[in-house]
């Protein structure tokens, strides 16, 4: 039996619980292979045996104002929106969308000039979502309905 896919719109709101970043606006991009997240001050620290990757998220969009350090990461070549190849680091973290926690990869990118700090690409979307670009924020709407029903139940 084929599993039913959630319909996701052109944009949505997600949580990144491992990074302490909640209600993050995201853009859906079925043209992008990997999801990307806006980061600044990305630097590789190589003191000791295991290299570490240090970065900051977008505090202007509600991310915690702190640095994050990870030991699980990789380097990859990504073709950016201008068609130029660039070297980027890729981390794995959990994203919560439609009530599901999904561990996925994000390339660390400079999206400062972009409206959305996070782009969700094909690797995350594949076999999970059907994209309807005429819709927006469907999981956020579903989440607020569930919250509203819970509050209504507790008040009666």
N, C-alpha and C. Protein backbone atom coordinates (compact mmCIF):
# COMPACT_ATOMS: atom_id res chain seq x y z
N UNK A 1 0.84 -1.19 0.00
CA UNK A 1 0.00 0.00 0.00
C UNK A 1 0.88 1.25 0.00
N UNK A 2 0.53 2.21 -0.82
CA UNK A 2 1.30 3.44 -0.92
C UNK A 2 0.93 4.37 0.23
N UNK A 3 1.94 4.92 0.89
CA UNK A 3 1.64 5.84 1.99
C UNK A 3 1.19 7.18 1.42
N UNK A 4 0.28 7.84 2.16
CA UNK A 4 -0.17 9.14 1.67
C UNK A 4 0.85 10.20 2.06
N UNK A 5 1.05 11.15 1.15
CA UNK A 5 2.03 12.21 1.38
C UNK A 5 1.32 13.44 1.92
N UNK A 6 1.99 14.15 2.84
CA UNK A 6 1.46 15.43 3.30
C UNK A 6 1.63 16.43 2.17
N UNK A 7 0.67 17.32 2.01
CA UNK A 7 0.80 18.39 1.02
C UNK A 7 1.48 19.56 1.71
N UNK A 8 2.54 20.05 1.09
CA UNK A 8 3.29 21.19 1.63
C UNK A 8 3.21 22.32 0.62
N UNK A 9 3.09 23.53 1.11
CA UNK A 9 2.97 24.69 0.22
C UNK A 9 4.33 25.26 -0.16
N UNK A 10 4.31 26.46 -0.72
CA UNK A 10 5.54 27.12 -1.16
C UNK A 10 6.40 27.59 0.02
N UNK A 11 5.75 27.82 1.16
CA UNK A 11 6.44 28.23 2.39
C UNK A 11 5.82 27.48 3.56
N UNK A 12 6.51 27.50 4.69
CA UNK A 12 5.95 26.89 5.89
C UNK A 12 6.70 27.41 7.12
N UNK A 13 6.33 26.88 8.27
CA UNK A 13 6.96 27.24 9.54
C UNK A 13 7.41 25.93 10.18
N UNK A 14 8.67 25.84 10.61
CA UNK A 14 9.21 24.60 11.18
C UNK A 14 9.92 24.89 12.50
N UNK A 15 10.28 23.83 13.20
CA UNK A 15 11.10 23.92 14.41
C UNK A 15 12.39 23.14 14.17
N UNK A 16 13.48 23.64 14.73
CA UNK A 16 14.76 22.93 14.75
C UNK A 16 15.10 22.70 16.23
N UNK A 17 14.50 21.67 16.84
CA UNK A 17 14.62 21.50 18.29
C UNK A 17 16.05 21.33 18.80
N UNK A 18 16.90 20.62 18.06
CA UNK A 18 18.28 20.42 18.51
C UNK A 18 19.07 21.73 18.55
N UNK A 19 18.64 22.70 17.75
CA UNK A 19 19.33 23.99 17.70
C UNK A 19 18.59 25.06 18.51
N UNK A 20 17.47 24.68 19.13
CA UNK A 20 16.71 25.63 19.95
C UNK A 20 16.08 26.75 19.14
N UNK A 21 15.74 26.47 17.88
CA UNK A 21 15.18 27.50 16.99
C UNK A 21 13.77 27.06 16.60
N UNK A 22 12.77 27.86 16.97
CA UNK A 22 11.38 27.49 16.79
C UNK A 22 10.62 28.52 15.95
N UNK A 23 9.56 28.05 15.29
CA UNK A 23 8.72 28.90 14.43
C UNK A 23 9.54 29.60 13.36
N UNK A 24 10.35 28.83 12.66
CA UNK A 24 11.25 29.37 11.65
C UNK A 24 10.56 29.35 10.28
N UNK A 25 10.50 30.50 9.60
CA UNK A 25 9.91 30.52 8.26
C UNK A 25 10.85 29.83 7.26
N UNK A 26 10.27 28.94 6.42
CA UNK A 26 11.07 28.22 5.43
C UNK A 26 10.43 28.36 4.05
N UNK A 27 11.29 28.26 3.04
CA UNK A 27 10.84 28.26 1.64
C UNK A 27 11.07 26.86 1.11
N UNK A 28 10.10 26.35 0.37
CA UNK A 28 10.20 25.03 -0.23
C UNK A 28 10.82 25.22 -1.62
N UNK A 29 11.86 24.44 -1.92
CA UNK A 29 12.55 24.57 -3.21
C UNK A 29 12.83 23.18 -3.78
N UNK A 30 11.91 22.70 -4.62
CA UNK A 30 12.07 21.37 -5.20
C UNK A 30 13.21 21.35 -6.24
N UNK A 31 13.75 22.51 -6.57
CA UNK A 31 14.88 22.58 -7.49
C UNK A 31 16.22 22.38 -6.79
N UNK A 32 16.23 22.55 -5.47
CA UNK A 32 17.45 22.37 -4.69
C UNK A 32 17.55 20.93 -4.23
N UNK A 33 18.72 20.32 -4.35
CA UNK A 33 18.90 18.95 -3.90
C UNK A 33 18.87 18.89 -2.38
N UNK A 34 19.75 19.66 -1.75
CA UNK A 34 19.91 19.65 -0.30
C UNK A 34 19.24 20.87 0.31
N UNK A 35 18.73 20.72 1.51
CA UNK A 35 18.19 21.86 2.25
C UNK A 35 19.36 22.73 2.70
N UNK A 36 19.10 24.01 2.91
CA UNK A 36 20.16 24.88 3.40
C UNK A 36 19.63 25.78 4.50
N UNK A 37 20.55 26.20 5.35
CA UNK A 37 20.20 27.02 6.50
C UNK A 37 21.15 28.21 6.55
N UNK A 38 20.61 29.38 6.86
CA UNK A 38 21.45 30.58 6.90
C UNK A 38 22.32 30.56 8.15
N UNK A 39 23.61 30.69 7.93
CA UNK A 39 24.58 30.73 9.03
C UNK A 39 25.59 31.84 8.77
N UNK A 40 26.21 32.27 9.83
CA UNK A 40 27.30 33.24 9.69
C UNK A 40 28.45 32.76 10.55
N UNK A 41 29.60 33.36 10.34
CA UNK A 41 30.81 33.05 11.10
C UNK A 41 31.09 31.55 11.16
N UNK A 42 30.97 30.89 10.01
CA UNK A 42 31.24 29.45 9.93
C UNK A 42 32.76 29.28 9.91
N UNK A 43 33.26 28.48 10.85
CA UNK A 43 34.71 28.25 10.85
C UNK A 43 35.04 26.86 11.36
N UNK A 44 36.10 26.35 10.81
CA UNK A 44 36.60 25.02 11.16
C UNK A 44 37.65 25.17 12.25
N UNK A 45 37.50 24.42 13.32
CA UNK A 45 38.46 24.45 14.43
C UNK A 45 39.18 23.11 14.44
N UNK A 46 40.50 23.16 14.33
CA UNK A 46 41.26 21.91 14.30
C UNK A 46 42.31 21.88 15.40
N UNK A 47 41.86 21.92 16.65
CA UNK A 47 42.80 21.71 17.75
C UNK A 47 42.45 20.37 18.37
N UNK A 48 43.38 19.47 18.38
CA UNK A 48 43.11 18.11 18.84
C UNK A 48 42.91 17.19 17.66
N UNK A 49 42.43 15.99 17.94
CA UNK A 49 42.29 14.97 16.90
C UNK A 49 41.09 15.18 15.99
N UNK A 50 39.96 15.56 16.58
CA UNK A 50 38.73 15.66 15.79
C UNK A 50 38.40 17.11 15.43
N UNK A 51 38.32 17.42 14.12
CA UNK A 51 37.95 18.79 13.73
C UNK A 51 36.51 19.11 14.15
N UNK A 52 36.28 20.36 14.47
CA UNK A 52 34.95 20.82 14.87
C UNK A 52 34.53 21.97 13.97
N UNK A 53 33.23 22.05 13.75
CA UNK A 53 32.67 23.13 12.94
C UNK A 53 31.86 24.04 13.85
N UNK A 54 32.17 25.32 13.79
CA UNK A 54 31.52 26.30 14.64
C UNK A 54 30.73 27.27 13.74
N UNK A 55 29.49 27.64 14.15
CA UNK A 55 28.68 28.56 13.34
C UNK A 55 27.62 29.24 14.21
N UNK A 56 27.08 30.33 13.69
CA UNK A 56 25.98 31.07 14.32
C UNK A 56 24.77 31.02 13.39
N UNK A 57 23.57 30.95 13.99
CA UNK A 57 22.33 30.99 13.21
C UNK A 57 21.83 32.43 13.13
N UNK A 58 20.68 32.64 12.50
CA UNK A 58 20.16 33.97 12.24
C UNK A 58 19.31 34.49 13.41
N UNK A 59 19.95 35.21 14.33
CA UNK A 59 19.25 35.73 15.51
C UNK A 59 18.13 36.69 15.12
N UNK A 60 18.27 37.39 13.99
CA UNK A 60 17.23 38.33 13.54
C UNK A 60 15.92 37.59 13.21
N UNK A 61 16.04 36.30 12.90
CA UNK A 61 14.84 35.49 12.59
C UNK A 61 14.44 34.61 13.77
N UNK A 62 14.94 34.93 14.95
CA UNK A 62 14.51 34.22 16.15
C UNK A 62 15.41 33.10 16.63
N UNK A 63 16.55 32.89 15.98
CA UNK A 63 17.47 31.84 16.43
C UNK A 63 18.16 32.27 17.72
N UNK A 64 18.58 31.30 18.52
CA UNK A 64 19.32 31.67 19.74
C UNK A 64 20.61 32.41 19.38
N UNK A 65 20.94 33.41 20.19
CA UNK A 65 22.17 34.19 19.94
C UNK A 65 23.34 33.48 20.61
N UNK A 66 23.78 32.41 19.97
CA UNK A 66 24.89 31.63 20.51
C UNK A 66 25.56 30.89 19.36
N UNK A 67 26.78 30.46 19.64
CA UNK A 67 27.45 29.68 18.61
C UNK A 67 27.12 28.21 18.83
N UNK A 68 27.17 27.45 17.75
CA UNK A 68 26.96 26.01 17.80
C UNK A 68 28.24 25.36 17.31
N UNK A 69 28.60 24.26 17.94
CA UNK A 69 29.79 23.52 17.53
C UNK A 69 29.38 22.07 17.32
N UNK A 70 29.71 21.54 16.16
CA UNK A 70 29.39 20.14 15.85
C UNK A 70 30.64 19.41 15.41
N UNK A 71 30.65 18.10 15.66
CA UNK A 71 31.77 17.27 15.20
C UNK A 71 31.33 16.40 14.02
N UNK A 72 30.01 16.24 13.85
CA UNK A 72 29.48 15.46 12.73
C UNK A 72 29.11 16.42 11.60
N UNK A 73 29.95 16.46 10.58
CA UNK A 73 29.71 17.33 9.42
C UNK A 73 30.51 16.80 8.25
N UNK A 74 30.21 17.32 7.06
CA UNK A 74 31.00 16.98 5.88
C UNK A 74 31.11 18.20 5.00
N UNK A 75 32.02 18.14 4.06
CA UNK A 75 32.19 19.22 3.08
C UNK A 75 31.64 18.75 1.76
N UNK A 76 31.00 19.64 1.03
CA UNK A 76 30.47 19.26 -0.28
C UNK A 76 30.55 20.46 -1.22
N UNK A 77 30.39 20.19 -2.50
CA UNK A 77 30.32 21.26 -3.50
C UNK A 77 28.85 21.42 -3.88
N UNK A 78 28.36 22.65 -3.78
CA UNK A 78 26.96 22.96 -4.08
C UNK A 78 26.93 24.01 -5.18
N UNK A 79 26.00 23.86 -6.10
CA UNK A 79 25.77 24.90 -7.11
C UNK A 79 24.77 25.87 -6.52
N UNK A 80 25.19 27.12 -6.32
CA UNK A 80 24.30 28.10 -5.68
C UNK A 80 23.25 28.63 -6.66
N UNK A 81 22.40 29.53 -6.19
CA UNK A 81 21.29 30.03 -7.02
C UNK A 81 21.78 30.78 -8.25
N UNK A 82 23.01 31.26 -8.24
CA UNK A 82 23.58 31.95 -9.41
C UNK A 82 24.22 30.96 -10.39
N UNK A 83 24.24 29.67 -10.01
CA UNK A 83 24.84 28.66 -10.88
C UNK A 83 26.32 28.43 -10.63
N UNK A 84 26.89 29.16 -9.66
CA UNK A 84 28.31 29.00 -9.34
C UNK A 84 28.49 27.88 -8.32
N UNK A 85 29.58 27.11 -8.51
CA UNK A 85 29.89 26.06 -7.54
C UNK A 85 30.60 26.68 -6.34
N UNK A 86 30.21 26.25 -5.14
CA UNK A 86 30.89 26.73 -3.94
C UNK A 86 31.00 25.59 -2.93
N UNK A 87 32.05 25.66 -2.12
CA UNK A 87 32.28 24.65 -1.09
C UNK A 87 31.43 25.03 0.12
N UNK A 88 30.68 24.04 0.64
CA UNK A 88 29.88 24.28 1.83
C UNK A 88 30.02 23.11 2.79
N UNK A 89 29.81 23.44 4.05
CA UNK A 89 29.75 22.39 5.07
C UNK A 89 28.30 21.95 5.20
N UNK A 90 28.13 20.67 5.51
CA UNK A 90 26.79 20.10 5.67
C UNK A 90 26.72 19.47 7.06
N UNK A 91 25.64 19.80 7.78
CA UNK A 91 25.41 19.21 9.10
C UNK A 91 24.11 18.42 9.06
N UNK A 92 23.92 17.56 10.05
CA UNK A 92 22.65 16.85 10.21
C UNK A 92 22.00 17.34 11.49
N UNK A 93 20.70 17.60 11.41
CA UNK A 93 19.94 17.99 12.60
C UNK A 93 18.48 17.61 12.38
N UNK A 94 17.71 17.68 13.46
CA UNK A 94 16.28 17.34 13.35
C UNK A 94 15.47 18.58 13.01
N UNK A 95 14.46 18.35 12.16
CA UNK A 95 13.49 19.39 11.82
C UNK A 95 12.12 18.82 12.17
N UNK A 96 11.25 19.65 12.75
CA UNK A 96 9.89 19.21 13.05
C UNK A 96 8.94 19.95 12.11
N UNK A 97 8.18 19.15 11.34
CA UNK A 97 7.21 19.69 10.40
C UNK A 97 6.05 18.70 10.30
N UNK A 98 4.83 19.20 10.28
CA UNK A 98 3.63 18.35 10.30
C UNK A 98 3.66 17.37 11.47
N UNK A 99 4.23 17.81 12.60
CA UNK A 99 4.29 16.97 13.78
C UNK A 99 5.30 15.84 13.70
N UNK A 100 6.05 15.77 12.60
CA UNK A 100 7.06 14.70 12.44
C UNK A 100 8.44 15.27 12.69
N UNK A 101 9.27 14.50 13.43
CA UNK A 101 10.67 14.88 13.61
C UNK A 101 11.46 14.12 12.56
N UNK A 102 12.18 14.84 11.72
CA UNK A 102 12.95 14.24 10.64
C UNK A 102 14.40 14.67 10.78
N UNK A 103 15.31 13.71 10.84
CA UNK A 103 16.75 14.03 10.88
C UNK A 103 17.20 14.17 9.43
N UNK A 104 17.74 15.32 9.09
CA UNK A 104 18.11 15.58 7.69
C UNK A 104 19.36 16.44 7.60
N UNK A 105 19.87 16.55 6.39
CA UNK A 105 21.08 17.34 6.14
C UNK A 105 20.73 18.78 5.75
N UNK A 106 21.55 19.70 6.22
CA UNK A 106 21.46 21.12 5.83
C UNK A 106 22.84 21.60 5.44
N UNK A 107 22.95 22.24 4.30
CA UNK A 107 24.22 22.90 3.99
C UNK A 107 24.18 24.26 4.67
N UNK A 108 25.34 24.69 5.16
CA UNK A 108 25.44 25.99 5.84
C UNK A 108 25.74 27.04 4.79
N UNK A 109 24.83 28.00 4.62
CA UNK A 109 24.95 28.97 3.53
C UNK A 109 24.77 30.39 4.04
N UNK A 110 25.23 31.34 3.25
CA UNK A 110 24.96 32.74 3.55
C UNK A 110 23.68 33.11 2.81
N UNK A 111 22.57 33.14 3.54
CA UNK A 111 21.26 33.50 2.96
C UNK A 111 20.81 34.86 3.50
N UNK A 112 21.78 35.69 3.88
CA UNK A 112 21.48 36.99 4.50
C UNK A 112 20.53 37.84 3.66
N UNK A 113 20.71 37.81 2.34
CA UNK A 113 19.88 38.64 1.46
C UNK A 113 18.55 37.98 1.12
N UNK A 114 18.37 36.75 1.57
CA UNK A 114 17.14 36.02 1.27
C UNK A 114 16.09 36.27 2.35
N UNK A 115 14.82 36.21 1.95
CA UNK A 115 13.72 36.45 2.88
C UNK A 115 13.58 35.32 3.90
N UNK A 116 13.87 34.08 3.45
CA UNK A 116 13.71 32.91 4.32
C UNK A 116 15.08 32.39 4.73
N UNK A 117 15.30 32.16 6.03
CA UNK A 117 16.61 31.69 6.49
C UNK A 117 16.86 30.21 6.17
N UNK A 118 15.79 29.48 5.82
CA UNK A 118 15.95 28.06 5.52
C UNK A 118 15.24 27.72 4.22
N UNK A 119 15.90 26.87 3.46
CA UNK A 119 15.36 26.35 2.20
C UNK A 119 15.24 24.84 2.38
N UNK A 120 14.08 24.28 2.07
CA UNK A 120 13.91 22.82 2.15
C UNK A 120 13.98 22.25 0.74
N UNK A 121 14.94 21.35 0.53
CA UNK A 121 15.20 20.78 -0.79
C UNK A 121 14.65 19.38 -0.98
N UNK A 122 14.94 18.81 -2.15
CA UNK A 122 14.39 17.52 -2.57
C UNK A 122 14.69 16.35 -1.64
N UNK A 123 15.90 16.29 -1.08
CA UNK A 123 16.24 15.15 -0.21
C UNK A 123 15.26 15.05 0.96
N UNK A 124 14.83 16.17 1.50
CA UNK A 124 13.87 16.18 2.60
C UNK A 124 12.45 15.93 2.08
N UNK A 125 12.11 16.50 0.94
CA UNK A 125 10.74 16.43 0.42
C UNK A 125 10.38 15.05 -0.13
N UNK A 126 11.36 14.38 -0.76
CA UNK A 126 11.13 13.12 -1.47
C UNK A 126 10.49 12.06 -0.58
N UNK A 127 9.43 11.46 -1.09
CA UNK A 127 8.67 10.38 -0.43
C UNK A 127 8.00 10.82 0.86
N UNK A 128 7.97 12.13 1.13
CA UNK A 128 7.30 12.64 2.33
C UNK A 128 6.22 13.66 2.00
N UNK A 129 6.49 14.50 0.98
CA UNK A 129 5.59 15.63 0.71
C UNK A 129 5.25 15.75 -0.77
N UNK A 130 4.08 16.27 -1.01
CA UNK A 130 3.64 16.67 -2.34
C UNK A 130 3.59 18.19 -2.30
N UNK A 131 4.27 18.86 -3.22
CA UNK A 131 4.36 20.33 -3.18
C UNK A 131 3.23 20.95 -3.99
N UNK A 132 2.47 21.83 -3.34
CA UNK A 132 1.42 22.61 -4.01
C UNK A 132 1.80 24.09 -3.82
N UNK A 133 2.39 24.67 -4.86
CA UNK A 133 2.92 26.04 -4.74
C UNK A 133 1.84 27.10 -4.55
N UNK A 134 0.57 26.73 -4.75
CA UNK A 134 -0.51 27.70 -4.54
C UNK A 134 -0.86 27.82 -3.04
N UNK A 135 -0.28 26.95 -2.22
CA UNK A 135 -0.56 26.95 -0.78
C UNK A 135 0.60 27.54 0.01
N UNK A 136 0.31 27.93 1.26
CA UNK A 136 1.34 28.45 2.15
C UNK A 136 1.10 27.97 3.57
N UNK A 137 2.18 27.70 4.28
CA UNK A 137 2.17 27.45 5.72
C UNK A 137 1.13 26.42 6.17
N UNK A 138 1.02 25.30 5.46
CA UNK A 138 0.01 24.28 5.76
C UNK A 138 0.27 23.56 7.08
N UNK A 139 1.53 23.24 7.39
CA UNK A 139 1.79 22.56 8.67
C UNK A 139 1.58 23.53 9.82
N UNK A 140 1.88 24.80 9.61
CA UNK A 140 1.67 25.81 10.64
C UNK A 140 0.17 25.95 10.92
N UNK A 141 -0.66 25.92 9.87
CA UNK A 141 -2.11 26.02 10.03
C UNK A 141 -2.63 24.81 10.78
N UNK A 142 -2.11 23.63 10.43
CA UNK A 142 -2.51 22.38 11.08
C UNK A 142 -2.13 22.41 12.57
N UNK A 143 -0.91 22.94 12.84
CA UNK A 143 -0.42 23.02 14.21
C UNK A 143 -1.27 23.97 15.04
N UNK A 144 -1.66 25.12 14.47
CA UNK A 144 -2.45 26.07 15.25
C UNK A 144 -3.87 25.56 15.47
N UNK A 145 -4.43 24.77 14.53
CA UNK A 145 -5.75 24.15 14.74
C UNK A 145 -5.68 23.16 15.89
N UNK A 146 -4.62 22.33 15.93
CA UNK A 146 -4.45 21.35 16.99
C UNK A 146 -4.31 22.05 18.33
N UNK A 147 -3.54 23.13 18.39
CA UNK A 147 -3.36 23.90 19.62
C UNK A 147 -4.69 24.50 20.06
N UNK A 148 -5.46 25.02 19.09
CA UNK A 148 -6.75 25.64 19.37
C UNK A 148 -7.71 24.59 19.96
N UNK A 149 -7.72 23.36 19.36
CA UNK A 149 -8.60 22.29 19.86
C UNK A 149 -8.19 21.89 21.26
N UNK A 150 -6.90 21.81 21.55
CA UNK A 150 -6.41 21.44 22.87
C UNK A 150 -6.84 22.47 23.90
N UNK A 151 -6.69 23.77 23.56
CA UNK A 151 -7.11 24.84 24.49
C UNK A 151 -8.60 24.79 24.72
N UNK A 152 -9.39 24.55 23.68
CA UNK A 152 -10.85 24.50 23.81
C UNK A 152 -11.25 23.34 24.74
N UNK A 153 -10.57 22.18 24.63
CA UNK A 153 -10.85 21.02 25.47
C UNK A 153 -10.56 21.32 26.92
N UNK A 154 -9.44 22.01 27.18
CA UNK A 154 -9.05 22.31 28.55
C UNK A 154 -9.94 23.37 29.19
N UNK A 155 -10.56 24.20 28.38
CA UNK A 155 -11.40 25.27 28.94
C UNK A 155 -12.82 24.80 29.23
N UNK A 156 -13.26 23.67 28.66
CA UNK A 156 -14.63 23.22 28.90
C UNK A 156 -14.74 22.35 30.13
